[in-house]
PDB file of N, CA and C in Angstrom:
ATOM      1  N   UNK A   1     -67.401  19.473 -35.252  1.00  0.00           N
ATOM      2  CA  UNK A   1     -67.222  19.867 -36.633  1.00  0.00           C
ATOM      3  C   UNK A   1     -65.796  19.515 -37.066  1.00  0.00           C
ATOM      4  N   UNK A   2     -65.696  18.987 -38.228  1.00  0.00           N
ATOM      5  CA  UNK A   2     -64.400  18.575 -38.759  1.00  0.00           C
ATOM      6  C   UNK A   2     -63.640  19.776 -39.301  1.00  0.00           C
ATOM      7  N   UNK A   3     -62.351  19.855 -38.930  1.00  0.00           N
ATOM      8  CA  UNK A   3     -61.507  20.920 -39.454  1.00  0.00           C
ATOM      9  C   UNK A   3     -61.070  20.612 -40.874  1.00  0.00           C
ATOM     10  N   UNK A   4     -60.697  21.655 -41.596  1.00  0.00           N
ATOM     11  CA  UNK A   4     -60.247  21.475 -42.972  1.00  0.00           C
ATOM     12  C   UNK A   4     -58.730  21.391 -43.015  1.00  0.00           C
ATOM     13  N   UNK A   5     -58.230  20.497 -43.842  1.00  0.00           N
ATOM     14  CA  UNK A   5     -56.795  20.368 -44.061  1.00  0.00           C
ATOM     15  C   UNK A   5     -56.410  21.286 -45.206  1.00  0.00           C
ATOM     16  N   UNK A   6     -55.532  22.222 -44.920  1.00  0.00           N
ATOM     17  CA  UNK A   6     -55.059  23.145 -45.949  1.00  0.00           C
ATOM     18  C   UNK A   6     -53.619  22.761 -46.269  1.00  0.00           C
ATOM     19  N   UNK A   7     -53.406  22.277 -47.471  1.00  0.00           N
ATOM     20  CA  UNK A   7     -52.093  21.773 -47.880  1.00  0.00           C
ATOM     21  C   UNK A   7     -51.247  22.890 -48.477  1.00  0.00           C
ATOM     22  N   UNK A   8     -50.926  23.866 -47.638  1.00  0.00           N
ATOM     23  CA  UNK A   8     -50.096  24.975 -48.092  1.00  0.00           C
ATOM     24  C   UNK A   8     -49.229  25.417 -46.921  1.00  0.00           C
ATOM     25  N   UNK A   9     -47.938  25.478 -47.146  1.00  0.00           N
ATOM     26  CA  UNK A   9     -47.020  25.895 -46.087  1.00  0.00           C
ATOM     27  C   UNK A   9     -47.128  27.398 -45.875  1.00  0.00           C
ATOM     28  N   UNK A  10     -46.947  27.804 -44.628  1.00  0.00           N
ATOM     29  CA  UNK A  10     -46.950  29.233 -44.324  1.00  0.00           C
ATOM     30  C   UNK A  10     -45.613  29.833 -44.733  1.00  0.00           C
ATOM     31  N   UNK A  11     -45.667  31.062 -45.162  1.00  0.00           N
ATOM     32  CA  UNK A  11     -44.455  31.736 -45.598  1.00  0.00           C
ATOM     33  C   UNK A  11     -43.598  32.159 -44.409  1.00  0.00           C
ATOM     34  N   UNK A  12     -44.244  32.595 -43.330  1.00  0.00           N
ATOM     35  CA  UNK A  12     -43.527  33.045 -42.144  1.00  0.00           C
ATOM     36  C   UNK A  12     -43.991  32.256 -40.932  1.00  0.00           C
ATOM     37  N   UNK A  13     -43.081  32.038 -40.013  1.00  0.00           N
ATOM     38  CA  UNK A  13     -43.417  31.367 -38.761  1.00  0.00           C
ATOM     39  C   UNK A  13     -43.079  32.312 -37.620  1.00  0.00           C
ATOM     40  N   UNK A  14     -43.991  32.467 -36.705  1.00  0.00           N
ATOM     41  CA  UNK A  14     -43.777  33.390 -35.597  1.00  0.00           C
ATOM     42  C   UNK A  14     -43.429  32.668 -34.300  1.00  0.00           C
ATOM     43  N   UNK A  15     -43.251  31.362 -34.360  1.00  0.00           N
ATOM     44  CA  UNK A  15     -42.862  30.583 -33.195  1.00  0.00           C
ATOM     45  C   UNK A  15     -41.412  30.159 -33.379  1.00  0.00           C
ATOM     46  N   UNK A  16     -40.590  30.493 -32.415  1.00  0.00           N
ATOM     47  CA  UNK A  16     -39.173  30.143 -32.526  1.00  0.00           C
ATOM     48  C   UNK A  16     -38.956  28.690 -32.116  1.00  0.00           C
ATOM     49  N   UNK A  17     -37.901  28.072 -32.627  1.00  0.00           N
ATOM     50  CA  UNK A  17     -37.583  26.705 -32.191  1.00  0.00           C
ATOM     51  C   UNK A  17     -37.357  26.636 -30.681  1.00  0.00           C
ATOM     52  N   UNK A  18     -36.855  27.711 -30.105  1.00  0.00           N
ATOM     53  CA  UNK A  18     -36.635  27.773 -28.654  1.00  0.00           C
ATOM     54  C   UNK A  18     -37.934  27.529 -27.891  1.00  0.00           C
ATOM     55  N   UNK A  19     -39.029  28.058 -28.406  1.00  0.00           N
ATOM     56  CA  UNK A  19     -40.328  27.894 -27.749  1.00  0.00           C
ATOM     57  C   UNK A  19     -40.878  26.478 -27.914  1.00  0.00           C
ATOM     58  N   UNK A  20     -40.419  25.761 -28.897  1.00  0.00           N
ATOM     59  CA  UNK A  20     -40.931  24.410 -29.158  1.00  0.00           C
ATOM     60  C   UNK A  20     -40.242  23.324 -28.333  1.00  0.00           C
ATOM     61  N   UNK A  21     -39.068  23.614 -27.801  1.00  0.00           N
ATOM     62  CA  UNK A  21     -38.335  22.621 -27.014  1.00  0.00           C
ATOM     63  C   UNK A  21     -38.783  22.740 -25.559  1.00  0.00           C
ATOM     64  N   UNK A  22     -39.343  21.673 -24.991  1.00  0.00           N
ATOM     65  CA  UNK A  22     -39.830  21.734 -23.610  1.00  0.00           C
ATOM     66  C   UNK A  22     -38.711  22.055 -22.612  1.00  0.00           C
ATOM     67  N   UNK A  23     -39.068  22.773 -21.557  1.00  0.00           N
ATOM     68  CA  UNK A  23     -38.092  23.163 -20.533  1.00  0.00           C
ATOM     69  C   UNK A  23     -37.444  21.957 -19.865  1.00  0.00           C
ATOM     70  N   UNK A  24     -38.194  20.873 -19.682  1.00  0.00           N
ATOM     71  CA  UNK A  24     -37.669  19.708 -18.965  1.00  0.00           C
ATOM     72  C   UNK A  24     -36.822  18.792 -19.843  1.00  0.00           C
ATOM     73  N   UNK A  25     -36.685  19.108 -21.093  1.00  0.00           N
ATOM     74  CA  UNK A  25     -35.886  18.286 -22.008  1.00  0.00           C
ATOM     75  C   UNK A  25     -34.416  18.300 -21.577  1.00  0.00           C
ATOM     76  N   UNK A  26     -33.782  17.133 -21.351  1.00  0.00           N
ATOM     77  CA  UNK A  26     -32.380  17.103 -20.903  1.00  0.00           C
ATOM     78  C   UNK A  26     -31.419  17.786 -21.881  1.00  0.00           C
ATOM     79  N   UNK A  27     -31.760  17.765 -23.155  1.00  0.00           N
ATOM     80  CA  UNK A  27     -30.891  18.371 -24.160  1.00  0.00           C
ATOM     81  C   UNK A  27     -30.752  19.880 -23.945  1.00  0.00           C
ATOM     82  N   UNK A  28     -31.725  20.491 -23.300  1.00  0.00           N
ATOM     83  CA  UNK A  28     -31.668  21.924 -23.016  1.00  0.00           C
ATOM     84  C   UNK A  28     -30.503  22.238 -22.066  1.00  0.00           C
ATOM     85  N   UNK A  29     -30.389  21.472 -21.000  1.00  0.00           N
ATOM     86  CA  UNK A  29     -29.300  21.688 -20.038  1.00  0.00           C
ATOM     87  C   UNK A  29     -27.947  21.351 -20.665  1.00  0.00           C
ATOM     88  N   UNK A  30     -27.934  20.312 -21.475  1.00  0.00           N
ATOM     89  CA  UNK A  30     -26.688  19.930 -22.145  1.00  0.00           C
ATOM     90  C   UNK A  30     -26.249  21.039 -23.093  1.00  0.00           C
ATOM     91  N   UNK A  31     -27.196  21.604 -23.826  1.00  0.00           N
ATOM     92  CA  UNK A  31     -26.852  22.684 -24.762  1.00  0.00           C
ATOM     93  C   UNK A  31     -26.261  23.882 -24.026  1.00  0.00           C
ATOM     94  N   UNK A  32     -26.856  24.239 -22.885  1.00  0.00           N
ATOM     95  CA  UNK A  32     -26.323  25.365 -22.111  1.00  0.00           C
ATOM     96  C   UNK A  32     -24.897  25.088 -21.645  1.00  0.00           C
ATOM     97  N   UNK A  33     -24.650  23.869 -21.191  1.00  0.00           N
ATOM     98  CA  UNK A  33     -23.313  23.486 -20.737  1.00  0.00           C
ATOM     99  C   UNK A  33     -22.319  23.502 -21.900  1.00  0.00           C
ATOM    100  N   UNK A  34     -22.719  22.945 -23.030  1.00  0.00           N
ATOM    101  CA  UNK A  34     -21.850  22.899 -24.215  1.00  0.00           C
ATOM    102  C   UNK A  34     -21.520  24.313 -24.680  1.00  0.00           C
ATOM    103  N   UNK A  35     -22.505  25.180 -24.698  1.00  0.00           N
ATOM    104  CA  UNK A  35     -22.248  26.561 -25.145  1.00  0.00           C
ATOM    105  C   UNK A  35     -21.291  27.284 -24.209  1.00  0.00           C
ATOM    106  N   UNK A  36     -21.424  27.029 -22.915  1.00  0.00           N
ATOM    107  CA  UNK A  36     -20.522  27.656 -21.946  1.00  0.00           C
ATOM    108  C   UNK A  36     -19.086  27.184 -22.155  1.00  0.00           C
ATOM    109  N   UNK A  37     -18.897  25.892 -22.342  1.00  0.00           N
ATOM    110  CA  UNK A  37     -17.552  25.342 -22.560  1.00  0.00           C
ATOM    111  C   UNK A  37     -16.975  25.856 -23.877  1.00  0.00           C
ATOM    112  N   UNK A  38     -17.783  25.857 -24.932  1.00  0.00           N
ATOM    113  CA  UNK A  38     -17.289  26.315 -26.234  1.00  0.00           C
ATOM    114  C   UNK A  38     -16.996  27.812 -26.236  1.00  0.00           C
ATOM    115  N   UNK A  39     -17.716  28.564 -25.430  1.00  0.00           N
ATOM    116  CA  UNK A  39     -17.438  29.995 -25.316  1.00  0.00           C
ATOM    117  C   UNK A  39     -16.042  30.204 -24.725  1.00  0.00           C
ATOM    118  N   UNK A  40     -15.670  29.359 -23.761  1.00  0.00           N
ATOM    119  CA  UNK A  40     -14.338  29.453 -23.161  1.00  0.00           C
ATOM    120  C   UNK A  40     -13.245  29.041 -24.150  1.00  0.00           C
ATOM    121  N   UNK A  41     -13.572  28.145 -25.074  1.00  0.00           N
ATOM    122  CA  UNK A  41     -12.595  27.671 -26.061  1.00  0.00           C
ATOM    123  C   UNK A  41     -12.560  28.520 -27.331  1.00  0.00           C
ATOM    124  N   UNK A  42     -13.437  29.486 -27.430  1.00  0.00           N
ATOM    125  CA  UNK A  42     -13.585  30.256 -28.666  1.00  0.00           C
ATOM    126  C   UNK A  42     -12.272  30.897 -29.117  1.00  0.00           C
ATOM    127  N   UNK A  43     -11.542  31.497 -28.206  1.00  0.00           N
ATOM    128  CA  UNK A  43     -10.292  32.154 -28.580  1.00  0.00           C
ATOM    129  C   UNK A  43      -9.291  31.139 -29.118  1.00  0.00           C
ATOM    130  N   UNK A  44      -9.176  29.998 -28.442  1.00  0.00           N
ATOM    131  CA  UNK A  44      -8.241  28.956 -28.895  1.00  0.00           C
ATOM    132  C   UNK A  44      -8.639  28.406 -30.257  1.00  0.00           C
ATOM    133  N   UNK A  45      -9.934  28.211 -30.457  1.00  0.00           N
ATOM    134  CA  UNK A  45     -10.407  27.711 -31.751  1.00  0.00           C
ATOM    135  C   UNK A  45     -10.171  28.744 -32.852  1.00  0.00           C
ATOM    136  N   UNK A  46     -10.353  30.002 -32.545  1.00  0.00           N
ATOM    137  CA  UNK A  46     -10.162  31.066 -33.526  1.00  0.00           C
ATOM    138  C   UNK A  46      -8.736  31.147 -34.037  1.00  0.00           C
ATOM    139  N   UNK A  47      -7.778  30.816 -33.187  1.00  0.00           N
ATOM    140  CA  UNK A  47      -6.364  30.858 -33.600  1.00  0.00           C
ATOM    141  C   UNK A  47      -6.029  29.783 -34.615  1.00  0.00           C
ATOM    142  N   UNK A  48      -6.840  28.744 -34.719  1.00  0.00           N
ATOM    143  CA  UNK A  48      -6.569  27.651 -35.656  1.00  0.00           C
ATOM    144  C   UNK A  48      -6.992  27.976 -37.087  1.00  0.00           C
ATOM    145  N   UNK A  49      -7.707  29.072 -37.271  1.00  0.00           N
ATOM    146  CA  UNK A  49      -8.238  29.426 -38.585  1.00  0.00           C
ATOM    147  C   UNK A  49      -7.451  30.574 -39.195  1.00  0.00           C
ATOM    148  N   UNK A  50      -7.346  30.569 -40.515  1.00  0.00           N
ATOM    149  CA  UNK A  50      -6.652  31.635 -41.234  1.00  0.00           C
ATOM    150  C   UNK A  50      -7.502  32.902 -41.231  1.00  0.00           C
ATOM    151  N   UNK A  51      -6.843  34.027 -41.382  1.00  0.00           N
ATOM    152  CA  UNK A  51      -7.550  35.312 -41.425  1.00  0.00           C
ATOM    153  C   UNK A  51      -8.166  35.567 -42.798  1.00  0.00           C
ATOM    154  N   UNK A  52      -7.627  34.933 -43.829  1.00  0.00           N
ATOM    155  CA  UNK A  52      -8.106  35.146 -45.189  1.00  0.00           C
ATOM    156  C   UNK A  52      -8.791  33.889 -45.703  1.00  0.00           C
ATOM    157  N   UNK A  53      -9.555  34.066 -46.759  1.00  0.00           N
ATOM    158  CA  UNK A  53     -10.229  32.924 -47.370  1.00  0.00           C
ATOM    159  C   UNK A  53     -11.723  32.955 -47.112  1.00  0.00           C
ATOM    160  N   UNK A  54     -12.366  31.901 -47.532  1.00  0.00           N
ATOM    161  CA  UNK A  54     -13.816  31.811 -47.366  1.00  0.00           C
ATOM    162  C   UNK A  54     -14.165  31.533 -45.909  1.00  0.00           C
ATOM    163  N   UNK A  55     -15.276  32.086 -45.451  1.00  0.00           N
ATOM    164  CA  UNK A  55     -15.680  31.790 -44.075  1.00  0.00           C
ATOM    165  C   UNK A  55     -16.092  30.325 -43.931  1.00  0.00           C
ATOM    166  N   UNK A  56     -15.786  29.759 -42.797  1.00  0.00           N
ATOM    167  CA  UNK A  56     -16.100  28.351 -42.559  1.00  0.00           C
ATOM    168  C   UNK A  56     -17.356  28.232 -41.699  1.00  0.00           C
ATOM    169  N   UNK A  57     -17.779  27.009 -41.510  1.00  0.00           N
ATOM    170  CA  UNK A  57     -18.831  26.740 -40.538  1.00  0.00           C
ATOM    171  C   UNK A  57     -18.201  26.959 -39.165  1.00  0.00           C
ATOM    172  N   UNK A  58     -18.871  27.676 -38.272  1.00  0.00           N
ATOM    173  CA  UNK A  58     -18.277  27.905 -36.952  1.00  0.00           C
ATOM    174  C   UNK A  58     -17.960  26.583 -36.250  1.00  0.00           C
ATOM    175  N   UNK A  59     -16.774  26.473 -35.652  1.00  0.00           N
ATOM    176  CA  UNK A  59     -16.401  25.218 -34.996  1.00  0.00           C
ATOM    177  C   UNK A  59     -17.353  24.851 -33.860  1.00  0.00           C
ATOM    178  N   UNK A  60     -17.979  25.854 -33.249  1.00  0.00           N
ATOM    179  CA  UNK A  60     -18.949  25.575 -32.187  1.00  0.00           C
ATOM    180  C   UNK A  60     -20.124  24.768 -32.725  1.00  0.00           C
ATOM    181  N   UNK A  61     -20.558  25.097 -33.937  1.00  0.00           N
ATOM    182  CA  UNK A  61     -21.661  24.354 -34.543  1.00  0.00           C
ATOM    183  C   UNK A  61     -21.222  22.945 -34.934  1.00  0.00           C
ATOM    184  N   UNK A  62     -20.013  22.819 -35.454  1.00  0.00           N
ATOM    185  CA  UNK A  62     -19.508  21.495 -35.832  1.00  0.00           C
ATOM    186  C   UNK A  62     -19.397  20.581 -34.615  1.00  0.00           C
ATOM    187  N   UNK A  63     -18.843  21.101 -33.532  1.00  0.00           N
ATOM    188  CA  UNK A  63     -18.685  20.284 -32.327  1.00  0.00           C
ATOM    189  C   UNK A  63     -20.035  19.933 -31.711  1.00  0.00           C
ATOM    190  N   UNK A  64     -20.980  20.862 -31.754  1.00  0.00           N
ATOM    191  CA  UNK A  64     -22.331  20.573 -31.249  1.00  0.00           C
ATOM    192  C   UNK A  64     -22.988  19.479 -32.081  1.00  0.00           C
ATOM    193  N   UNK A  65     -22.803  19.527 -33.389  1.00  0.00           N
ATOM    194  CA  UNK A  65     -23.381  18.501 -34.264  1.00  0.00           C
ATOM    195  C   UNK A  65     -22.750  17.136 -33.990  1.00  0.00           C
ATOM    196  N   UNK A  66     -21.450  17.112 -33.746  1.00  0.00           N
ATOM    197  CA  UNK A  66     -20.785  15.843 -33.436  1.00  0.00           C
ATOM    198  C   UNK A  66     -21.282  15.259 -32.113  1.00  0.00           C
ATOM    199  N   UNK A  67     -21.585  16.119 -31.156  1.00  0.00           N
ATOM    200  CA  UNK A  67     -22.168  15.630 -29.900  1.00  0.00           C
ATOM    201  C   UNK A  67     -23.518  14.974 -30.148  1.00  0.00           C
ATOM    202  N   UNK A  68     -24.336  15.591 -30.998  1.00  0.00           N
ATOM    203  CA  UNK A  68     -25.628  14.989 -31.336  1.00  0.00           C
ATOM    204  C   UNK A  68     -25.439  13.628 -31.990  1.00  0.00           C
ATOM    205  N   UNK A  69     -24.423  13.524 -32.824  1.00  0.00           N
ATOM    206  CA  UNK A  69     -24.149  12.252 -33.491  1.00  0.00           C
ATOM    207  C   UNK A  69     -23.869  11.162 -32.458  1.00  0.00           C
ATOM    208  N   UNK A  70     -23.123  11.504 -31.425  1.00  0.00           N
ATOM    209  CA  UNK A  70     -22.811  10.535 -30.374  1.00  0.00           C
ATOM    210  C   UNK A  70     -24.048  10.246 -29.527  1.00  0.00           C
ATOM    211  N   UNK A  71     -24.771  11.289 -29.114  1.00  0.00           N
ATOM    212  CA  UNK A  71     -25.939  11.119 -28.243  1.00  0.00           C
ATOM    213  C   UNK A  71     -27.009  10.239 -28.876  1.00  0.00           C
ATOM    214  N   UNK A  72     -27.227  10.409 -30.175  1.00  0.00           N
ATOM    215  CA  UNK A  72     -28.319   9.712 -30.847  1.00  0.00           C
ATOM    216  C   UNK A  72     -27.860   8.507 -31.671  1.00  0.00           C
ATOM    217  N   UNK A  73     -26.587   8.163 -31.596  1.00  0.00           N
ATOM    218  CA  UNK A  73     -26.092   6.972 -32.289  1.00  0.00           C
ATOM    219  C   UNK A  73     -26.211   7.048 -33.797  1.00  0.00           C
ATOM    220  N   UNK A  74     -25.999   8.222 -34.347  1.00  0.00           N
ATOM    221  CA  UNK A  74     -26.055   8.393 -35.799  1.00  0.00           C
ATOM    222  C   UNK A  74     -24.754   7.844 -36.376  1.00  0.00           C
ATOM    223  N   UNK A  75     -24.863   6.975 -37.355  1.00  0.00           N
ATOM    224  CA  UNK A  75     -23.710   6.185 -37.800  1.00  0.00           C
ATOM    225  C   UNK A  75     -22.785   6.874 -38.792  1.00  0.00           C
ATOM    226  N   UNK A  76     -23.251   7.888 -39.482  1.00  0.00           N
ATOM    227  CA  UNK A  76     -22.382   8.502 -40.488  1.00  0.00           C
ATOM    228  C   UNK A  76     -22.616  10.006 -40.544  1.00  0.00           C
ATOM    229  N   UNK A  77     -21.661  10.688 -41.140  1.00  0.00           N
ATOM    230  CA  UNK A  77     -21.787  12.138 -41.316  1.00  0.00           C
ATOM    231  C   UNK A  77     -22.949  12.461 -42.258  1.00  0.00           C
ATOM    232  N   UNK A  78     -23.146  11.611 -43.254  1.00  0.00           N
ATOM    233  CA  UNK A  78     -24.251  11.821 -44.185  1.00  0.00           C
ATOM    234  C   UNK A  78     -25.591  11.778 -43.458  1.00  0.00           C
ATOM    235  N   UNK A  79     -25.756  10.807 -42.568  1.00  0.00           N
ATOM    236  CA  UNK A  79     -26.998  10.718 -41.806  1.00  0.00           C
ATOM    237  C   UNK A  79     -27.144  11.900 -40.853  1.00  0.00           C
ATOM    238  N   UNK A  80     -26.037  12.366 -40.300  1.00  0.00           N
ATOM    239  CA  UNK A  80     -26.078  13.532 -39.422  1.00  0.00           C
ATOM    240  C   UNK A  80     -26.542  14.764 -40.189  1.00  0.00           C
ATOM    241  N   UNK A  81     -26.004  14.967 -41.374  1.00  0.00           N
ATOM    242  CA  UNK A  81     -26.402  16.112 -42.194  1.00  0.00           C
ATOM    243  C   UNK A  81     -27.870  16.000 -42.585  1.00  0.00           C
ATOM    244  N   UNK A  82     -28.316  14.792 -42.883  1.00  0.00           N
ATOM    245  CA  UNK A  82     -29.726  14.576 -43.204  1.00  0.00           C
ATOM    246  C   UNK A  82     -30.610  14.961 -42.015  1.00  0.00           C
ATOM    247  N   UNK A  83     -30.211  14.550 -40.820  1.00  0.00           N
ATOM    248  CA  UNK A  83     -30.967  14.909 -39.614  1.00  0.00           C
ATOM    249  C   UNK A  83     -30.966  16.425 -39.403  1.00  0.00           C
ATOM    250  N   UNK A  84     -29.817  17.046 -39.624  1.00  0.00           N
ATOM    251  CA  UNK A  84     -29.733  18.500 -39.456  1.00  0.00           C
ATOM    252  C   UNK A  84     -30.589  19.238 -40.479  1.00  0.00           C
ATOM    253  N   UNK A  85     -30.873  18.588 -41.595  1.00  0.00           N
ATOM    254  CA  UNK A  85     -31.706  19.200 -42.628  1.00  0.00           C
ATOM    255  C   UNK A  85     -33.159  19.328 -42.202  1.00  0.00           C
ATOM    256  N   UNK A  86     -33.694  18.319 -41.501  1.00  0.00           N
ATOM    257  CA  UNK A  86     -35.131  18.357 -41.218  1.00  0.00           C
ATOM    258  C   UNK A  86     -35.510  18.224 -39.750  1.00  0.00           C
ATOM    259  N   UNK A  87     -34.595  17.876 -38.868  1.00  0.00           N
ATOM    260  CA  UNK A  87     -34.927  17.695 -37.461  1.00  0.00           C
ATOM    261  C   UNK A  87     -34.764  19.028 -36.725  1.00  0.00           C
ATOM    262  N   UNK A  88     -35.876  19.617 -36.330  1.00  0.00           N
ATOM    263  CA  UNK A  88     -35.829  20.937 -35.694  1.00  0.00           C
ATOM    264  C   UNK A  88     -35.106  20.908 -34.352  1.00  0.00           C
ATOM    265  N   UNK A  89     -35.194  19.800 -33.631  1.00  0.00           N
ATOM    266  CA  UNK A  89     -34.479  19.695 -32.359  1.00  0.00           C
ATOM    267  C   UNK A  89     -32.976  19.751 -32.600  1.00  0.00           C
ATOM    268  N   UNK A  90     -32.493  19.079 -33.618  1.00  0.00           N
ATOM    269  CA  UNK A  90     -31.069  19.110 -33.954  1.00  0.00           C
ATOM    270  C   UNK A  90     -30.655  20.517 -34.384  1.00  0.00           C
ATOM    271  N   UNK A  91     -31.467  21.140 -35.214  1.00  0.00           N
ATOM    272  CA  UNK A  91     -31.155  22.492 -35.688  1.00  0.00           C
ATOM    273  C   UNK A  91     -31.084  23.465 -34.514  1.00  0.00           C
ATOM    274  N   UNK A  92     -32.002  23.320 -33.582  1.00  0.00           N
ATOM    275  CA  UNK A  92     -32.022  24.181 -32.399  1.00  0.00           C
ATOM    276  C   UNK A  92     -30.749  23.973 -31.573  1.00  0.00           C
ATOM    277  N   UNK A  93     -30.368  22.717 -31.341  1.00  0.00           N
ATOM    278  CA  UNK A  93     -29.201  22.407 -30.520  1.00  0.00           C
ATOM    279  C   UNK A  93     -27.925  22.982 -31.135  1.00  0.00           C
ATOM    280  N   UNK A  94     -27.804  22.868 -32.436  1.00  0.00           N
ATOM    281  CA  UNK A  94     -26.598  23.326 -33.134  1.00  0.00           C
ATOM    282  C   UNK A  94     -26.582  24.849 -33.298  1.00  0.00           C
ATOM    283  N   UNK A  95     -27.751  25.470 -33.265  1.00  0.00           N
ATOM    284  CA  UNK A  95     -27.820  26.920 -33.410  1.00  0.00           C
ATOM    285  C   UNK A  95     -28.194  27.367 -34.807  1.00  0.00           C
ATOM    286  N   UNK A  96     -28.846  26.500 -35.560  1.00  0.00           N
ATOM    287  CA  UNK A  96     -29.313  26.851 -36.902  1.00  0.00           C
ATOM    288  C   UNK A  96     -30.778  27.260 -36.832  1.00  0.00           C
ATOM    289  N   UNK A  97     -31.138  28.289 -37.555  1.00  0.00           N
ATOM    290  CA  UNK A  97     -32.549  28.659 -37.634  1.00  0.00           C
ATOM    291  C   UNK A  97     -33.218  27.775 -38.693  1.00  0.00           C
ATOM    292  N   UNK A  98     -34.527  27.689 -38.692  1.00  0.00           N
ATOM    293  CA  UNK A  98     -35.203  26.877 -39.714  1.00  0.00           C
ATOM    294  C   UNK A  98     -34.912  27.344 -41.142  1.00  0.00           C
ATOM    295  N   UNK A  99     -34.525  28.606 -41.310  1.00  0.00           N
ATOM    296  CA  UNK A  99     -34.261  29.147 -42.643  1.00  0.00           C
ATOM    297  C   UNK A  99     -32.825  28.931 -43.112  1.00  0.00           C
ATOM    298  N   UNK A 100     -31.918  28.596 -42.211  1.00  0.00           N
ATOM    299  CA  UNK A 100     -30.517  28.396 -42.595  1.00  0.00           C
ATOM    300  C   UNK A 100     -30.376  27.167 -43.490  1.00  0.00           C
ATOM    301  N   UNK A 101     -29.452  27.237 -44.464  1.00  0.00           N
ATOM    302  CA  UNK A 101     -29.267  26.071 -45.350  1.00  0.00           C
ATOM    303  C   UNK A 101     -28.578  24.922 -44.636  1.00  0.00           C
TER     304      UNK A 101
END
């Protein structure tokens, strides 16, 4: 029996991006290593930012995104941002949820 195509997006998703990334994916181990290193650098990175003003994008996310740019040969920041907009694997690696802008 043929299934029906329903052209309507679901409002809520109960599957996390973490569950969608296979365990054997090399990017999983790289992400764990990157997070460990960035956790050690967190205090040093925090000292570079002012205490007042608008909150910035966390430097851990920026550095993770730059690593993806190198790993996947993305040629420009514009293309990287475009990938971060719709590529769930990139969003997962950087630490963005599907709902984050």
